[in-house]
N, C-alpha and C. Protein backbone atom coordinates (compact mmCIF):
# COMPACT_ATOMS: atom_id res chain seq x y z
N MET A 1 85.37 112.35 83.65
CA MET A 1 85.02 111.44 82.58
C MET A 1 84.24 110.27 83.17
N ASN A 2 83.17 109.88 82.52
CA ASN A 2 82.33 108.79 83.01
C ASN A 2 83.12 107.48 83.05
N THR A 3 82.98 106.78 84.16
CA THR A 3 83.71 105.54 84.39
C THR A 3 82.76 104.48 84.93
N LEU A 4 82.82 103.30 84.36
CA LEU A 4 82.06 102.15 84.86
C LEU A 4 83.08 101.14 85.37
N ILE A 5 82.88 100.69 86.61
CA ILE A 5 83.81 99.70 87.16
C ILE A 5 83.04 98.48 87.65
N ALA A 6 83.73 97.36 87.60
CA ALA A 6 83.28 96.13 88.26
C ALA A 6 84.29 95.90 89.38
N LEU A 7 83.79 95.77 90.59
CA LEU A 7 84.63 95.77 91.77
C LEU A 7 84.28 94.61 92.68
N ALA A 8 85.30 93.91 93.15
CA ALA A 8 85.12 92.88 94.18
C ALA A 8 86.12 93.18 95.29
N ILE A 9 85.61 93.40 96.49
CA ILE A 9 86.45 93.64 97.66
C ILE A 9 86.09 92.58 98.67
N ALA A 10 87.09 91.85 99.14
CA ALA A 10 86.82 90.75 100.07
C ALA A 10 87.93 90.64 101.10
N PRO A 11 87.56 90.22 102.31
CA PRO A 11 88.57 89.98 103.33
C PRO A 11 89.32 88.69 103.04
N VAL A 12 90.55 88.63 103.49
CA VAL A 12 91.36 87.43 103.33
C VAL A 12 91.73 86.93 104.73
N GLY A 13 91.55 85.63 104.94
CA GLY A 13 91.95 85.03 106.20
C GLY A 13 90.98 85.18 107.34
N THR A 14 89.70 85.43 107.01
CA THR A 14 88.71 85.61 108.07
C THR A 14 87.74 84.45 108.18
N GLY A 15 87.94 83.39 107.42
CA GLY A 15 87.05 82.24 107.50
C GLY A 15 86.42 81.93 106.15
N ASP A 16 85.46 81.01 106.21
CA ASP A 16 84.82 80.55 104.98
C ASP A 16 83.66 81.43 104.54
N GLU A 17 82.94 82.00 105.47
CA GLU A 17 81.77 82.82 105.14
C GLU A 17 82.14 84.29 105.23
N LEU A 18 82.04 85.00 104.11
CA LEU A 18 82.50 86.38 104.02
C LEU A 18 81.37 87.40 103.90
N SER A 19 80.13 86.95 103.94
CA SER A 19 79.01 87.84 103.63
C SER A 19 78.90 89.03 104.58
N ALA A 20 79.22 88.88 105.85
CA ALA A 20 79.11 90.01 106.79
C ALA A 20 80.10 91.11 106.43
N GLU A 21 81.33 90.73 106.11
CA GLU A 21 82.34 91.73 105.73
C GLU A 21 82.02 92.35 104.38
N VAL A 22 81.60 91.53 103.44
CA VAL A 22 81.24 92.05 102.12
C VAL A 22 80.06 93.01 102.24
N ALA A 23 79.13 92.73 103.13
CA ALA A 23 77.99 93.63 103.35
C ALA A 23 78.46 95.01 103.82
N GLU A 24 79.49 95.05 104.62
CA GLU A 24 80.03 96.35 105.06
C GLU A 24 80.57 97.14 103.87
N VAL A 25 81.21 96.45 102.95
CA VAL A 25 81.75 97.07 101.75
C VAL A 25 80.61 97.59 100.87
N VAL A 26 79.62 96.76 100.63
CA VAL A 26 78.50 97.13 99.76
C VAL A 26 77.72 98.30 100.37
N LYS A 27 77.61 98.34 101.67
CA LYS A 27 76.91 99.45 102.34
C LYS A 27 77.60 100.79 102.01
N VAL A 28 78.92 100.82 102.07
CA VAL A 28 79.66 102.03 101.72
C VAL A 28 79.37 102.44 100.28
N ILE A 29 79.34 101.47 99.39
CA ILE A 29 79.09 101.76 97.98
C ILE A 29 77.67 102.30 97.79
N ARG A 30 76.70 101.66 98.40
CA ARG A 30 75.31 102.11 98.24
C ARG A 30 75.08 103.49 98.84
N GLU A 31 75.76 103.79 99.93
CA GLU A 31 75.61 105.09 100.56
C GLU A 31 76.29 106.21 99.78
N SER A 32 77.08 105.86 98.78
CA SER A 32 77.79 106.86 97.98
C SER A 32 76.85 107.69 97.12
N GLY A 33 75.70 107.12 96.79
CA GLY A 33 74.77 107.81 95.91
C GLY A 33 75.05 107.60 94.43
N LEU A 34 76.15 106.94 94.11
CA LEU A 34 76.45 106.65 92.70
C LEU A 34 75.62 105.45 92.24
N PRO A 35 75.27 105.40 90.96
CA PRO A 35 74.56 104.23 90.45
C PRO A 35 75.42 102.98 90.69
N ASN A 36 74.78 101.94 91.21
CA ASN A 36 75.52 100.71 91.48
C ASN A 36 74.59 99.52 91.42
N LYS A 37 75.20 98.35 91.21
CA LYS A 37 74.43 97.11 91.13
C LYS A 37 75.32 95.99 91.63
N THR A 38 74.82 95.20 92.57
CA THR A 38 75.60 94.11 93.14
C THR A 38 75.08 92.78 92.63
N SER A 39 76.02 91.93 92.21
CA SER A 39 75.70 90.56 91.82
C SER A 39 76.47 89.62 92.76
N SER A 40 76.43 88.35 92.49
CA SER A 40 77.07 87.39 93.39
C SER A 40 78.59 87.50 93.41
N MET A 41 79.18 88.09 92.39
CA MET A 41 80.64 88.15 92.30
C MET A 41 81.22 89.57 92.32
N PHE A 42 80.48 90.54 91.82
CA PHE A 42 80.99 91.90 91.69
C PHE A 42 79.92 92.92 92.01
N THR A 43 80.36 94.14 92.30
CA THR A 43 79.48 95.29 92.35
C THR A 43 79.94 96.24 91.26
N GLU A 44 79.00 96.70 90.45
CA GLU A 44 79.31 97.70 89.43
C GLU A 44 78.98 99.06 90.00
N ILE A 45 79.82 100.03 89.68
CA ILE A 45 79.61 101.42 90.09
C ILE A 45 79.88 102.29 88.88
N GLU A 46 79.07 103.34 88.70
CA GLU A 46 79.26 104.24 87.57
C GLU A 46 79.23 105.68 88.04
N GLY A 47 80.09 106.49 87.44
CA GLY A 47 80.11 107.92 87.74
C GLY A 47 81.38 108.55 87.22
N GLU A 48 81.61 109.80 87.63
CA GLU A 48 82.84 110.47 87.26
C GLU A 48 84.03 109.76 87.90
N TYR A 49 85.13 109.67 87.17
CA TYR A 49 86.29 108.89 87.58
C TYR A 49 86.70 109.16 89.03
N ASP A 50 86.91 110.43 89.38
CA ASP A 50 87.39 110.75 90.73
C ASP A 50 86.40 110.32 91.81
N LYS A 51 85.12 110.47 91.55
CA LYS A 51 84.11 110.07 92.53
C LYS A 51 84.06 108.55 92.68
N VAL A 52 84.16 107.84 91.56
CA VAL A 52 84.16 106.38 91.60
C VAL A 52 85.37 105.88 92.38
N MET A 53 86.53 106.46 92.10
CA MET A 53 87.75 106.01 92.78
C MET A 53 87.73 106.35 94.27
N GLU A 54 87.08 107.44 94.63
CA GLU A 54 86.91 107.78 96.05
C GLU A 54 86.08 106.71 96.76
N VAL A 55 85.03 106.25 96.10
CA VAL A 55 84.19 105.19 96.67
C VAL A 55 84.98 103.89 96.78
N VAL A 56 85.78 103.58 95.78
CA VAL A 56 86.62 102.37 95.82
C VAL A 56 87.54 102.44 97.04
N LYS A 57 88.15 103.58 97.26
CA LYS A 57 89.06 103.74 98.40
C LYS A 57 88.31 103.56 99.72
N LYS A 58 87.17 104.24 99.87
CA LYS A 58 86.40 104.12 101.11
C LYS A 58 85.94 102.69 101.35
N ALA A 59 85.48 102.04 100.29
CA ALA A 59 84.98 100.67 100.42
C ALA A 59 86.11 99.70 100.76
N THR A 60 87.29 99.94 100.22
CA THR A 60 88.44 99.10 100.53
C THR A 60 88.88 99.28 101.98
N PHE A 61 88.95 100.51 102.40
CA PHE A 61 89.48 100.78 103.74
C PHE A 61 88.49 100.50 104.86
N VAL A 62 87.23 100.25 104.56
CA VAL A 62 86.29 99.88 105.61
C VAL A 62 86.74 98.58 106.28
N LEU A 63 87.36 97.69 105.53
CA LEU A 63 87.90 96.46 106.10
C LEU A 63 89.35 96.64 106.56
N ALA A 64 90.16 97.27 105.72
CA ALA A 64 91.58 97.42 106.02
C ALA A 64 91.80 98.20 107.32
N GLU A 65 90.95 99.18 107.59
CA GLU A 65 91.10 99.96 108.82
C GLU A 65 90.79 99.14 110.07
N LYS A 66 90.16 97.99 109.89
CA LYS A 66 89.90 97.08 111.01
C LYS A 66 91.03 96.07 111.17
N GLY A 67 92.08 96.23 110.37
CA GLY A 67 93.20 95.31 110.43
C GLY A 67 93.00 94.04 109.62
N ILE A 68 91.98 94.05 108.75
CA ILE A 68 91.67 92.87 107.93
C ILE A 68 92.41 92.98 106.61
N ARG A 69 93.16 91.95 106.28
CA ARG A 69 93.79 91.90 104.96
C ARG A 69 92.69 91.92 103.92
N THR A 70 92.84 92.77 102.91
CA THR A 70 91.76 93.02 101.96
C THR A 70 92.24 92.81 100.53
N GLU A 71 91.47 92.00 99.79
CA GLU A 71 91.77 91.74 98.39
C GLU A 71 90.82 92.55 97.52
N VAL A 72 91.36 93.21 96.49
CA VAL A 72 90.55 94.03 95.60
C VAL A 72 90.77 93.59 94.16
N VAL A 73 89.66 93.34 93.45
CA VAL A 73 89.69 93.07 92.01
C VAL A 73 88.88 94.19 91.37
N LEU A 74 89.48 94.86 90.38
CA LEU A 74 88.85 96.02 89.78
C LEU A 74 89.02 95.99 88.27
N LYS A 75 87.91 96.17 87.56
CA LYS A 75 87.93 96.29 86.11
C LYS A 75 87.25 97.60 85.77
N MET A 76 87.85 98.39 84.87
CA MET A 76 87.32 99.71 84.54
C MET A 76 87.02 99.83 83.06
N ASP A 77 85.94 100.54 82.75
CA ASP A 77 85.60 100.89 81.38
C ASP A 77 85.42 102.40 81.34
N ILE A 78 86.37 103.09 80.75
CA ILE A 78 86.31 104.54 80.61
C ILE A 78 86.05 104.82 79.15
N ARG A 79 84.84 105.32 78.86
CA ARG A 79 84.43 105.50 77.47
C ARG A 79 83.96 106.93 77.26
N PRO A 80 84.83 107.79 76.73
CA PRO A 80 84.48 109.19 76.53
C PRO A 80 83.21 109.35 75.69
N GLY A 81 82.37 110.29 76.10
CA GLY A 81 81.17 110.60 75.35
C GLY A 81 79.96 109.75 75.71
N TYR A 82 80.11 108.80 76.61
CA TYR A 82 79.00 107.93 77.00
C TYR A 82 78.65 108.13 78.47
N THR A 83 77.38 108.00 78.77
CA THR A 83 76.90 107.98 80.15
C THR A 83 75.91 106.82 80.26
N ASP A 84 75.51 106.51 81.47
CA ASP A 84 74.56 105.43 81.73
C ASP A 84 75.00 104.13 81.04
N THR A 85 76.29 103.84 81.12
CA THR A 85 76.79 102.65 80.44
C THR A 85 76.45 101.36 81.18
N MET A 86 76.14 101.46 82.47
CA MET A 86 75.78 100.26 83.22
C MET A 86 74.56 99.57 82.60
N SER A 87 73.58 100.34 82.22
CA SER A 87 72.40 99.74 81.58
C SER A 87 72.49 99.81 80.05
N GLY A 88 73.16 100.82 79.53
CA GLY A 88 73.26 100.99 78.08
C GLY A 88 74.00 99.86 77.40
N LYS A 89 75.07 99.37 78.03
CA LYS A 89 75.83 98.27 77.44
C LYS A 89 74.95 97.02 77.32
N LEU A 90 74.16 96.77 78.34
CA LEU A 90 73.26 95.61 78.32
C LEU A 90 72.17 95.77 77.27
N ALA A 91 71.64 96.97 77.15
CA ALA A 91 70.59 97.21 76.15
C ALA A 91 71.12 96.96 74.74
N ARG A 92 72.34 97.44 74.49
CA ARG A 92 72.93 97.22 73.15
C ARG A 92 73.19 95.74 72.90
N LEU A 93 73.62 95.02 73.91
CA LEU A 93 73.83 93.58 73.79
C LEU A 93 72.53 92.86 73.48
N GLU A 94 71.48 93.20 74.23
CA GLU A 94 70.19 92.53 74.03
C GLU A 94 69.66 92.76 72.63
N GLU A 95 69.91 93.92 72.04
CA GLU A 95 69.48 94.19 70.67
C GLU A 95 70.12 93.20 69.69
N HIS A 96 71.35 92.82 69.94
CA HIS A 96 72.03 91.88 69.06
C HIS A 96 71.56 90.44 69.29
N LEU A 97 70.95 90.18 70.41
CA LEU A 97 70.49 88.84 70.73
C LEU A 97 69.09 88.54 70.22
N LYS A 98 68.42 89.54 69.67
CA LYS A 98 67.06 89.35 69.15
C LYS A 98 67.08 88.66 67.82
């Protein structure tokens, strides 16, 4: 079933600047081949539920396997019968804003 998630994975206790560790996480997500988009706070990923969750696990453990305490924030939208919801939701919103 198609799943759209908003995901934030960050190290805890590694200092004030987290961009190097977050880049490792985003690299795993981008290499997955699933549609994704990164903003300043979250990365969105879309695909079949099991594939998306596999990427979440890999992205989480890229830090945890280094012994880094890892915080994960995850929001999911599972909407049967829909695909391409990452851009479709925005398109429908923009139509209402005209």
